[in-house]
mmCIF file of all heavy atoms, coordinates in Angstrom:
data_MODEL
# 
_entry.id   MODEL 
# 
loop_
_atom_site.group_PDB 
_atom_site.id 
_atom_site.type_symbol 
_atom_site.label_atom_id 
_atom_site.label_alt_id 
_atom_site.label_comp_id 
_atom_site.label_asym_id 
_atom_site.label_entity_id 
_atom_site.label_seq_id 
_atom_site.pdbx_PDB_ins_code 
_atom_site.Cartn_x 
_atom_site.Cartn_y 
_atom_site.Cartn_z 
_atom_site.occupancy 
_atom_site.B_iso_or_equiv 
_atom_site.pdbx_formal_charge 
_atom_site.auth_seq_id 
_atom_site.auth_comp_id 
_atom_site.auth_asym_id 
_atom_site.auth_atom_id 
_atom_site.pdbx_PDB_model_num 
ATOM 1   N N   . THR A 1 1  ? 0.815  -1.210  0.000   1.00 0.00 ? 1  THR A N   1 
ATOM 2   C CA  . THR A 1 1  ? 0.000  0.000   0.000   1.00 0.00 ? 1  THR A CA  1 
ATOM 3   C C   . THR A 1 1  ? 0.852  1.265   0.000   1.00 0.00 ? 1  THR A C   1 
ATOM 4   O O   . THR A 1 1  ? 0.319  2.376   0.134   1.00 0.00 ? 1  THR A O   1 
ATOM 5   C CB  . THR A 1 1  ? -0.901 0.011   1.250   1.00 0.00 ? 1  THR A CB  1 
ATOM 6   O OG1 . THR A 1 1  ? -0.074 -0.055  2.425   1.00 0.00 ? 1  THR A OG1 1 
ATOM 7   C CG2 . THR A 1 1  ? -1.861 -1.168  1.243   1.00 0.00 ? 1  THR A CG2 1 
ATOM 8   N N   . GLN A 1 2  ? 2.173  1.097   -0.205  1.00 0.00 ? 2  GLN A N   1 
ATOM 9   C CA  . GLN A 1 2  ? 3.085  2.238   -0.100  1.00 0.00 ? 2  GLN A CA  1 
ATOM 10  C C   . GLN A 1 2  ? 3.251  3.003   -1.412  1.00 0.00 ? 2  GLN A C   1 
ATOM 11  O O   . GLN A 1 2  ? 3.748  4.121   -1.424  1.00 0.00 ? 2  GLN A O   1 
ATOM 12  C CB  . GLN A 1 2  ? 4.461  1.765   0.381   1.00 0.00 ? 2  GLN A CB  1 
ATOM 13  C CG  . GLN A 1 2  ? 4.423  0.887   1.619   1.00 0.00 ? 2  GLN A CG  1 
ATOM 14  C CD  . GLN A 1 2  ? 3.639  1.503   2.751   1.00 0.00 ? 2  GLN A CD  1 
ATOM 15  O OE1 . GLN A 1 2  ? 3.834  2.683   3.079   1.00 0.00 ? 2  GLN A OE1 1 
ATOM 16  N NE2 . GLN A 1 2  ? 2.753  0.714   3.361   1.00 0.00 ? 2  GLN A NE2 1 
ATOM 17  N N   . GLY A 1 3  ? 2.868  2.380   -2.519  1.00 0.00 ? 3  GLY A N   1 
ATOM 18  C CA  . GLY A 1 3  ? 3.012  3.045   -3.811  1.00 0.00 ? 3  GLY A CA  1 
ATOM 19  C C   . GLY A 1 3  ? 3.783  2.190   -4.792  1.00 0.00 ? 3  GLY A C   1 
ATOM 20  O O   . GLY A 1 3  ? 4.041  0.995   -4.555  1.00 0.00 ? 3  GLY A O   1 
ATOM 21  N N   . THR A 1 4  ? 4.165  2.791   -5.906  1.00 0.00 ? 4  THR A N   1 
ATOM 22  C CA  . THR A 1 4  ? 4.842  2.065   -6.970  1.00 0.00 ? 4  THR A CA  1 
ATOM 23  C C   . THR A 1 4  ? 6.183  2.708   -7.303  1.00 0.00 ? 4  THR A C   1 
ATOM 24  O O   . THR A 1 4  ? 6.407  3.896   -7.058  1.00 0.00 ? 4  THR A O   1 
ATOM 25  C CB  . THR A 1 4  ? 3.976  2.023   -8.243  1.00 0.00 ? 4  THR A CB  1 
ATOM 26  O OG1 . THR A 1 4  ? 3.712  3.360   -8.667  1.00 0.00 ? 4  THR A OG1 1 
ATOM 27  C CG2 . THR A 1 4  ? 2.683  1.277   -7.990  1.00 0.00 ? 4  THR A CG2 1 
ATOM 28  N N   . ILE A 1 5  ? 7.054  1.878   -7.876  1.00 0.00 ? 5  ILE A N   1 
ATOM 29  C CA  . ILE A 1 5  ? 8.334  2.335   -8.412  1.00 0.00 ? 5  ILE A CA  1 
ATOM 30  C C   . ILE A 1 5  ? 8.301  2.030   -9.901  1.00 0.00 ? 5  ILE A C   1 
ATOM 31  O O   . ILE A 1 5  ? 8.104  0.873   -10.294 1.00 0.00 ? 5  ILE A O   1 
ATOM 32  C CB  . ILE A 1 5  ? 9.515  1.607   -7.729  1.00 0.00 ? 5  ILE A CB  1 
ATOM 33  C CG1 . ILE A 1 5  ? 9.530  1.918   -6.245  1.00 0.00 ? 5  ILE A CG1 1 
ATOM 34  C CG2 . ILE A 1 5  ? 10.838 1.993   -8.384  1.00 0.00 ? 5  ILE A CG2 1 
ATOM 35  C CD1 . ILE A 1 5  ? 10.511 1.058   -5.453  1.00 0.00 ? 5  ILE A CD1 1 
ATOM 36  N N   . THR A 1 6  ? 8.490  3.041   -10.727 1.00 0.00 ? 6  THR A N   1 
ATOM 37  C CA  . THR A 1 6  ? 8.369  2.875   -12.172 1.00 0.00 ? 6  THR A CA  1 
ATOM 38  C C   . THR A 1 6  ? 9.722  3.058   -12.845 1.00 0.00 ? 6  THR A C   1 
ATOM 39  O O   . THR A 1 6  ? 10.397 4.071   -12.648 1.00 0.00 ? 6  THR A O   1 
ATOM 40  C CB  . THR A 1 6  ? 7.370  3.891   -12.752 1.00 0.00 ? 6  THR A CB  1 
ATOM 41  O OG1 . THR A 1 6  ? 6.080  3.684   -12.147 1.00 0.00 ? 6  THR A OG1 1 
ATOM 42  C CG2 . THR A 1 6  ? 7.248  3.731   -14.263 1.00 0.00 ? 6  THR A CG2 1 
ATOM 43  N N   . ILE A 1 7  ? 10.105 2.046   -13.631 1.00 0.00 ? 7  ILE A N   1 
ATOM 44  C CA  . ILE A 1 7  ? 11.281 2.144   -14.495 1.00 0.00 ? 7  ILE A CA  1 
ATOM 45  C C   . ILE A 1 7  ? 10.750 2.473   -15.885 1.00 0.00 ? 7  ILE A C   1 
ATOM 46  O O   . ILE A 1 7  ? 10.059 1.668   -16.506 1.00 0.00 ? 7  ILE A O   1 
ATOM 47  C CB  . ILE A 1 7  ? 12.093 0.834   -14.516 1.00 0.00 ? 7  ILE A CB  1 
ATOM 48  C CG1 . ILE A 1 7  ? 12.401 0.372   -13.082 1.00 0.00 ? 7  ILE A CG1 1 
ATOM 49  C CG2 . ILE A 1 7  ? 13.355 1.008   -15.327 1.00 0.00 ? 7  ILE A CG2 1 
ATOM 50  C CD1 . ILE A 1 7  ? 13.176 1.372   -12.267 1.00 0.00 ? 7  ILE A CD1 1 
ATOM 51  N N   . ALA A 1 8  ? 11.054 3.653   -16.355 1.00 0.00 ? 8  ALA A N   1 
ATOM 52  C CA  . ALA A 1 8  ? 10.447 4.155   -17.590 1.00 0.00 ? 8  ALA A CA  1 
ATOM 53  C C   . ALA A 1 8  ? 10.811 3.300   -18.793 1.00 0.00 ? 8  ALA A C   1 
ATOM 54  O O   . ALA A 1 8  ? 11.897 2.712   -18.867 1.00 0.00 ? 8  ALA A O   1 
ATOM 55  C CB  . ALA A 1 8  ? 10.873 5.602   -17.818 1.00 0.00 ? 8  ALA A CB  1 
ATOM 56  N N   . ASP A 1 9  ? 9.868  3.267   -19.724 1.00 0.00 ? 9  ASP A N   1 
ATOM 57  C CA  . ASP A 1 9  ? 10.062 2.534   -20.983 1.00 0.00 ? 9  ASP A CA  1 
ATOM 58  C C   . ASP A 1 9  ? 11.348 2.963   -21.668 1.00 0.00 ? 9  ASP A C   1 
ATOM 59  O O   . ASP A 1 9  ? 12.081 2.144   -22.229 1.00 0.00 ? 9  ASP A O   1 
ATOM 60  C CB  . ASP A 1 9  ? 8.848  2.775   -21.880 1.00 0.00 ? 9  ASP A CB  1 
ATOM 61  C CG  . ASP A 1 9  ? 8.946  2.028   -23.207 1.00 0.00 ? 9  ASP A CG  1 
ATOM 62  O OD1 . ASP A 1 9  ? 9.735  1.071   -23.295 1.00 0.00 ? 9  ASP A OD1 1 
ATOM 63  O OD2 . ASP A 1 9  ? 8.236  2.418   -24.152 1.00 0.00 ? 9  ASP A OD2 1 
ATOM 64  N N   . ALA A 1 10 ? 11.669 4.264   -21.605 1.00 0.00 ? 10 ALA A N   1 
ATOM 65  C CA  . ALA A 1 10 ? 12.854 4.793   -22.286 1.00 0.00 ? 10 ALA A CA  1 
ATOM 66  C C   . ALA A 1 10 ? 14.155 4.263   -21.684 1.00 0.00 ? 10 ALA A C   1 
ATOM 67  O O   . ALA A 1 10 ? 15.190 4.255   -22.356 1.00 0.00 ? 10 ALA A O   1 
ATOM 68  C CB  . ALA A 1 10 ? 12.851 6.317   -22.225 1.00 0.00 ? 10 ALA A CB  1 
ATOM 69  N N   . ASP A 1 11 ? 14.109 3.797   -20.439 1.00 0.00 ? 11 ASP A N   1 
ATOM 70  C CA  . ASP A 1 11 ? 15.325 3.297   -19.784 1.00 0.00 ? 11 ASP A CA  1 
ATOM 71  C C   . ASP A 1 11 ? 15.574 1.818   -20.052 1.00 0.00 ? 11 ASP A C   1 
ATOM 72  O O   . ASP A 1 11 ? 16.640 1.293   -19.729 1.00 0.00 ? 11 ASP A O   1 
ATOM 73  C CB  . ASP A 1 11 ? 15.238 3.527   -18.272 1.00 0.00 ? 11 ASP A CB  1 
ATOM 74  C CG  . ASP A 1 11 ? 15.239 5.013   -17.922 1.00 0.00 ? 11 ASP A CG  1 
ATOM 75  O OD1 . ASP A 1 11 ? 15.881 5.784   -18.661 1.00 0.00 ? 11 ASP A OD1 1 
ATOM 76  O OD2 . ASP A 1 11 ? 14.591 5.387   -16.919 1.00 0.00 ? 11 ASP A OD2 1 
ATOM 77  N N   . ILE A 1 12 ? 14.583 1.134   -20.595 1.00 0.00 ? 12 ILE A N   1 
ATOM 78  C CA  . ILE A 1 12 ? 14.715 -0.296  -20.886 1.00 0.00 ? 12 ILE A CA  1 
ATOM 79  C C   . ILE A 1 12 ? 14.805 -0.473  -22.391 1.00 0.00 ? 12 ILE A C   1 
ATOM 80  O O   . ILE A 1 12 ? 14.003 0.082   -23.138 1.00 0.00 ? 12 ILE A O   1 
ATOM 81  C CB  . ILE A 1 12 ? 13.510 -1.082  -20.338 1.00 0.00 ? 12 ILE A CB  1 
ATOM 82  C CG1 . ILE A 1 12 ? 13.366 -0.845  -18.834 1.00 0.00 ? 12 ILE A CG1 1 
ATOM 83  C CG2 . ILE A 1 12 ? 13.655 -2.571  -20.619 1.00 0.00 ? 12 ILE A CG2 1 
ATOM 84  C CD1 . ILE A 1 12 ? 12.111 -1.457  -18.245 1.00 0.00 ? 12 ILE A CD1 1 
ATOM 85  N N   . SER A 1 13 ? 15.785 -1.237  -22.832 1.00 0.00 ? 13 SER A N   1 
ATOM 86  C CA  . SER A 1 13 ? 15.974 -1.451  -24.267 1.00 0.00 ? 13 SER A CA  1 
ATOM 87  C C   . SER A 1 13 ? 16.133 -2.940  -24.541 1.00 0.00 ? 13 SER A C   1 
ATOM 88  O O   . SER A 1 13 ? 16.171 -3.772  -23.626 1.00 0.00 ? 13 SER A O   1 
ATOM 89  C CB  . SER A 1 13 ? 17.217 -0.703  -24.767 1.00 0.00 ? 13 SER A CB  1 
ATOM 90  O OG  . SER A 1 13 ? 18.395 -1.317  -24.273 1.00 0.00 ? 13 SER A OG  1 
ATOM 91  N N   . ALA A 1 14 ? 16.271 -3.248  -25.820 1.00 0.00 ? 14 ALA A N   1 
ATOM 92  C CA  . ALA A 1 14 ? 16.456 -4.636  -26.220 1.00 0.00 ? 14 ALA A CA  1 
ATOM 93  C C   . ALA A 1 14 ? 17.789 -5.197  -25.741 1.00 0.00 ? 14 ALA A C   1 
ATOM 94  O O   . ALA A 1 14 ? 18.009 -6.414  -25.778 1.00 0.00 ? 14 ALA A O   1 
ATOM 95  C CB  . ALA A 1 14 ? 16.361 -4.759  -27.745 1.00 0.00 ? 14 ALA A CB  1 
ATOM 96  N N   . ALA A 1 15 ? 18.703 -4.331  -25.298 1.00 0.00 ? 15 ALA A N   1 
ATOM 97  C CA  . ALA A 1 15 ? 20.024 -4.781  -24.836 1.00 0.00 ? 15 ALA A CA  1 
ATOM 98  C C   . ALA A 1 15 ? 20.127 -4.835  -23.315 1.00 0.00 ? 15 ALA A C   1 
ATOM 99  O O   . ALA A 1 15 ? 21.185 -5.195  -22.776 1.00 0.00 ? 15 ALA A O   1 
ATOM 100 C CB  . ALA A 1 15 ? 21.110 -3.849  -25.381 1.00 0.00 ? 15 ALA A CB  1 
ATOM 101 N N   . THR A 1 16 ? 19.060 -4.494  -22.585 1.00 0.00 ? 16 THR A N   1 
ATOM 102 C CA  . THR A 1 16 ? 19.107 -4.470  -21.125 1.00 0.00 ? 16 THR A CA  1 
ATOM 103 C C   . THR A 1 16 ? 19.325 -5.873  -20.570 1.00 0.00 ? 16 THR A C   1 
ATOM 104 O O   . THR A 1 16 ? 18.590 -6.807  -20.910 1.00 0.00 ? 16 THR A O   1 
ATOM 105 C CB  . THR A 1 16 ? 17.799 -3.887  -20.554 1.00 0.00 ? 16 THR A CB  1 
ATOM 106 O OG1 . THR A 1 16 ? 17.631 -2.549  -21.027 1.00 0.00 ? 16 THR A OG1 1 
ATOM 107 C CG2 . THR A 1 16 ? 17.817 -3.881  -19.032 1.00 0.00 ? 16 THR A CG2 1 
ATOM 108 N N   . THR A 1 17 ? 20.343 -6.015  -19.710 1.00 0.00 ? 17 THR A N   1 
ATOM 109 C CA  . THR A 1 17 ? 20.659 -7.319  -19.107 1.00 0.00 ? 17 THR A CA  1 
ATOM 110 C C   . THR A 1 17 ? 20.107 -7.380  -17.687 1.00 0.00 ? 17 THR A C   1 
ATOM 111 O O   . THR A 1 17 ? 19.559 -6.405  -17.172 1.00 0.00 ? 17 THR A O   1 
ATOM 112 C CB  . THR A 1 17 ? 22.173 -7.552  -19.070 1.00 0.00 ? 17 THR A CB  1 
ATOM 113 O OG1 . THR A 1 17 ? 22.767 -6.584  -18.186 1.00 0.00 ? 17 THR A OG1 1 
ATOM 114 C CG2 . THR A 1 17 ? 22.782 -7.419  -20.463 1.00 0.00 ? 17 THR A CG2 1 
ATOM 115 N N   . LEU A 1 18 ? 20.298 -8.518  -17.063 1.00 0.00 ? 18 LEU A N   1 
ATOM 116 C CA  . LEU A 1 18 ? 19.841 -8.698  -15.688 1.00 0.00 ? 18 LEU A CA  1 
ATOM 117 C C   . LEU A 1 18 ? 20.533 -7.695  -14.762 1.00 0.00 ? 18 LEU A C   1 
ATOM 118 O O   . LEU A 1 18 ? 19.885 -7.083  -13.896 1.00 0.00 ? 18 LEU A O   1 
ATOM 119 C CB  . LEU A 1 18 ? 20.129 -10.131 -15.238 1.00 0.00 ? 18 LEU A CB  1 
ATOM 120 C CG  . LEU A 1 18 ? 19.191 -10.760 -14.202 1.00 0.00 ? 18 LEU A CG  1 
ATOM 121 C CD1 . LEU A 1 18 ? 17.765 -10.786 -14.709 1.00 0.00 ? 18 LEU A CD1 1 
ATOM 122 C CD2 . LEU A 1 18 ? 19.660 -12.178 -13.869 1.00 0.00 ? 18 LEU A CD2 1 
ATOM 123 N N   . GLN A 1 19 ? 21.827 -7.501  -14.933 1.00 0.00 ? 19 GLN A N   1 
ATOM 124 C CA  . GLN A 1 19 ? 22.548 -6.527  -14.116 1.00 0.00 ? 19 GLN A CA  1 
ATOM 125 C C   . GLN A 1 19 ? 22.062 -5.107  -14.377 1.00 0.00 ? 19 GLN A C   1 
ATOM 126 O O   . GLN A 1 19 ? 21.917 -4.310  -13.437 1.00 0.00 ? 19 GLN A O   1 
ATOM 127 C CB  . GLN A 1 19 ? 24.052 -6.620  -14.385 1.00 0.00 ? 19 GLN A CB  1 
ATOM 128 C CG  . GLN A 1 19 ? 24.725 -7.844  -13.791 1.00 0.00 ? 19 GLN A CG  1 
ATOM 129 C CD  . GLN A 1 19 ? 26.222 -7.847  -14.024 1.00 0.00 ? 19 GLN A CD  1 
ATOM 130 O OE1 . GLN A 1 19 ? 26.743 -7.059  -14.832 1.00 0.00 ? 19 GLN A OE1 1 
ATOM 131 N NE2 . GLN A 1 19 ? 26.934 -8.741  -13.347 1.00 0.00 ? 19 GLN A NE2 1 
ATOM 132 N N   . ASP A 1 20 ? 21.798 -4.798  -15.648 1.00 0.00 ? 20 ASP A N   1 
ATOM 133 C CA  . ASP A 1 20 ? 21.295 -3.460  -15.988 1.00 0.00 ? 20 ASP A CA  1 
ATOM 134 C C   . ASP A 1 20 ? 19.968 -3.189  -15.286 1.00 0.00 ? 20 ASP A C   1 
ATOM 135 O O   . ASP A 1 20 ? 19.750 -2.103  -14.730 1.00 0.00 ? 20 ASP A O   1 
ATOM 136 C CB  . ASP A 1 20 ? 21.116 -3.317  -17.498 1.00 0.00 ? 20 ASP A CB  1 
ATOM 137 C CG  . ASP A 1 20 ? 22.435 -3.396  -18.256 1.00 0.00 ? 20 ASP A CG  1 
ATOM 138 O OD1 . ASP A 1 20 ? 23.469 -3.063  -17.660 1.00 0.00 ? 20 ASP A OD1 1 
ATOM 139 O OD2 . ASP A 1 20 ? 22.419 -3.801  -19.429 1.00 0.00 ? 20 ASP A OD2 1 
ATOM 140 N N   . LEU A 1 21 ? 19.079 -4.178  -15.318 1.00 0.00 ? 21 LEU A N   1 
ATOM 141 C CA  . LEU A 1 21 ? 17.767 -3.995  -14.709 1.00 0.00 ? 21 LEU A CA  1 
ATOM 142 C C   . LEU A 1 21 ? 17.891 -3.855  -13.193 1.00 0.00 ? 21 LEU A C   1 
ATOM 143 O O   . LEU A 1 21 ? 17.200 -3.031  -12.579 1.00 0.00 ? 21 LEU A O   1 
ATOM 144 C CB  . LEU A 1 21 ? 16.857 -5.173  -15.065 1.00 0.00 ? 21 LEU A CB  1 
ATOM 145 C CG  . LEU A 1 21 ? 15.385 -5.020  -14.706 1.00 0.00 ? 21 LEU A CG  1 
ATOM 146 C CD1 . LEU A 1 21 ? 14.768 -3.825  -15.408 1.00 0.00 ? 21 LEU A CD1 1 
ATOM 147 C CD2 . LEU A 1 21 ? 14.610 -6.290  -15.058 1.00 0.00 ? 21 LEU A CD2 1 
ATOM 148 N N   . ARG A 1 22 ? 18.775 -4.636  -12.590 1.00 0.00 ? 22 ARG A N   1 
ATOM 149 C CA  . ARG A 1 22 ? 19.016 -4.496  -11.153 1.00 0.00 ? 22 ARG A CA  1 
ATOM 150 C C   . ARG A 1 22 ? 19.454 -3.075  -10.811 1.00 0.00 ? 22 ARG A C   1 
ATOM 151 O O   . ARG A 1 22 ? 18.937 -2.455  -9.863  1.00 0.00 ? 22 ARG A O   1 
ATOM 152 C CB  . ARG A 1 22 ? 20.084 -5.497  -10.712 1.00 0.00 ? 22 ARG A CB  1 
ATOM 153 C CG  . ARG A 1 22 ? 20.523 -5.367  -9.255  1.00 0.00 ? 22 ARG A CG  1 
ATOM 154 C CD  . ARG A 1 22 ? 21.872 -6.010  -9.038  1.00 0.00 ? 22 ARG A CD  1 
ATOM 155 N NE  . ARG A 1 22 ? 22.917 -5.366  -9.836  1.00 0.00 ? 22 ARG A NE  1 
ATOM 156 C CZ  . ARG A 1 22 ? 24.144 -5.870  -9.979  1.00 0.00 ? 22 ARG A CZ  1 
ATOM 157 N NH1 . ARG A 1 22 ? 24.476 -7.014  -9.403  1.00 0.00 ? 22 ARG A NH1 1 
ATOM 158 N NH2 . ARG A 1 22 ? 25.038 -5.214  -10.709 1.00 0.00 ? 22 ARG A NH2 1 
ATOM 159 N N   . ASP A 1 23 ? 20.389 -2.547  -11.595 1.00 0.00 ? 23 ASP A N   1 
ATOM 160 C CA  . ASP A 1 23 ? 20.908 -1.206  -11.323 1.00 0.00 ? 23 ASP A CA  1 
ATOM 161 C C   . ASP A 1 23 ? 19.845 -0.136  -11.553 1.00 0.00 ? 23 ASP A C   1 
ATOM 162 O O   . ASP A 1 23 ? 19.801 0.877   -10.830 1.00 0.00 ? 23 ASP A O   1 
ATOM 163 C CB  . ASP A 1 23 ? 22.134 -0.934  -12.199 1.00 0.00 ? 23 ASP A CB  1 
ATOM 164 C CG  . ASP A 1 23 ? 23.301 -1.861  -11.873 1.00 0.00 ? 23 ASP A CG  1 
ATOM 165 O OD1 . ASP A 1 23 ? 23.300 -2.439  -10.760 1.00 0.00 ? 23 ASP A OD1 1 
ATOM 166 O OD2 . ASP A 1 23 ? 24.195 -2.021  -12.728 1.00 0.00 ? 23 ASP A OD2 1 
ATOM 167 N N   . LEU A 1 24 ? 18.980 -0.340  -12.555 1.00 0.00 ? 24 LEU A N   1 
ATOM 168 C CA  . LEU A 1 24 ? 17.904 0.613   -12.804 1.00 0.00 ? 24 LEU A CA  1 
ATOM 169 C C   . LEU A 1 24 ? 16.946 0.672   -11.616 1.00 0.00 ? 24 LEU A C   1 
ATOM 170 O O   . LEU A 1 24 ? 16.487 1.753   -11.216 1.00 0.00 ? 24 LEU A O   1 
ATOM 171 C CB  . LEU A 1 24 ? 17.146 0.234   -14.074 1.00 0.00 ? 24 LEU A CB  1 
ATOM 172 C CG  . LEU A 1 24 ? 17.839 0.522   -15.409 1.00 0.00 ? 24 LEU A CG  1 
ATOM 173 C CD1 . LEU A 1 24 ? 17.058 -0.120  -16.560 1.00 0.00 ? 24 LEU A CD1 1 
ATOM 174 C CD2 . LEU A 1 24 ? 17.990 2.028   -15.631 1.00 0.00 ? 24 LEU A CD2 1 
# 
């Protein structure tokens, strides 16, 4: 109930890896 965290579409690409997503 605390809210959401949004990773914008523009920050995710076809080259995003597991480590990249963790850091985002």
